Protein backbone atom coordinates (compact mmCIF):
# COMPACT_ATOMS: atom_id res chain seq x y z
CA MET A 1 69.27 247.73 89.01
CA THR A 2 71.56 246.37 86.30
CA THR A 3 73.40 248.70 83.96
CA LEU A 4 75.10 247.90 80.68
CA ALA A 5 78.69 249.06 80.43
CA PRO A 6 79.79 251.26 77.52
CA GLY A 7 81.30 249.03 74.84
CA SER A 8 79.15 246.03 75.72
CA VAL A 9 77.06 244.51 72.91
CA LEU A 10 73.35 243.83 73.33
CA ALA A 11 71.64 241.10 71.26
CA GLU A 12 74.81 240.71 69.18
CA LYS A 13 74.07 243.90 67.23
CA TRP A 14 73.80 247.01 69.43
CA ARG A 15 76.98 248.44 71.01
CA ILE A 16 76.25 250.52 74.09
CA GLU A 17 77.88 253.95 73.92
CA SER A 18 76.60 255.65 77.09
CA VAL A 19 73.76 255.98 79.58
CA LEU A 20 71.29 258.67 78.52
CA GLY A 21 69.15 258.57 81.63
CA VAL A 22 67.67 256.48 84.41
CA GLY A 23 63.98 256.35 85.31
CA TRP A 24 62.18 254.56 88.12
CA MET A 25 61.62 251.44 85.97
CA GLU A 26 64.13 251.69 83.12
CA THR A 27 67.52 252.87 81.91
CA PHE A 28 67.99 254.57 78.53
CA TYR A 29 71.15 253.99 76.52
CA ASP A 30 72.75 255.58 73.48
CA ALA A 31 73.78 252.73 71.15
CA VAL A 32 75.04 252.07 67.64
CA HIS A 33 74.32 249.13 65.31
CA VAL A 34 77.62 247.23 65.00
CA ARG A 35 77.26 246.50 61.27
CA ILE A 36 75.51 249.52 59.74
CA GLY A 37 76.36 252.26 62.23
CA ALA A 38 72.77 253.39 62.89
CA LEU A 39 72.43 255.41 66.09
CA VAL A 40 69.55 254.53 68.42
CA ALA A 41 68.27 254.93 71.95
CA ILE A 42 67.56 251.68 73.80
CA LYS A 43 65.28 251.34 76.82
CA VAL A 44 65.93 248.46 79.23
CA LEU A 45 63.64 247.66 82.15
CA HIS A 46 65.28 247.30 85.57
CA ALA A 47 65.61 243.69 86.71
CA ASP A 48 63.55 244.33 89.86
CA ILE A 49 60.45 245.55 87.96
CA PRO A 50 57.68 242.92 87.99
CA ARG A 51 57.35 241.24 84.61
CA ASP A 52 53.59 240.67 84.55
CA SER A 53 51.76 240.55 81.22
CA GLY A 54 50.41 244.10 81.65
CA MET A 55 53.88 245.55 82.18
CA ARG A 56 55.23 243.64 79.18
CA ALA A 57 52.36 244.83 76.96
CA ARG A 58 52.91 248.45 78.02
CA PHE A 59 56.65 248.20 77.37
CA LEU A 60 56.12 246.71 73.89
CA GLN A 61 53.42 249.28 73.03
CA GLU A 62 55.80 252.13 73.92
CA GLY A 63 58.39 250.58 71.59
CA TYR A 64 55.92 250.38 68.70
CA VAL A 65 54.81 253.98 69.23
CA ALA A 66 58.40 255.25 69.40
CA ASN A 67 59.39 253.29 66.31
């Protein structure tokens, strides 16, 4: 399992503030947009989770629903 350290920047626009929680296949982070200051929660799959097309589709669908 890989974790992002507080203060690290993801995709050049989201600064990680803290870990909100850890599930069996993902870690949830509290983050802030570096330019506009918007607060968000970010979900990152663990590196050891298989990346088959079904898993990717489920992950993306959850993002669309949450958005």
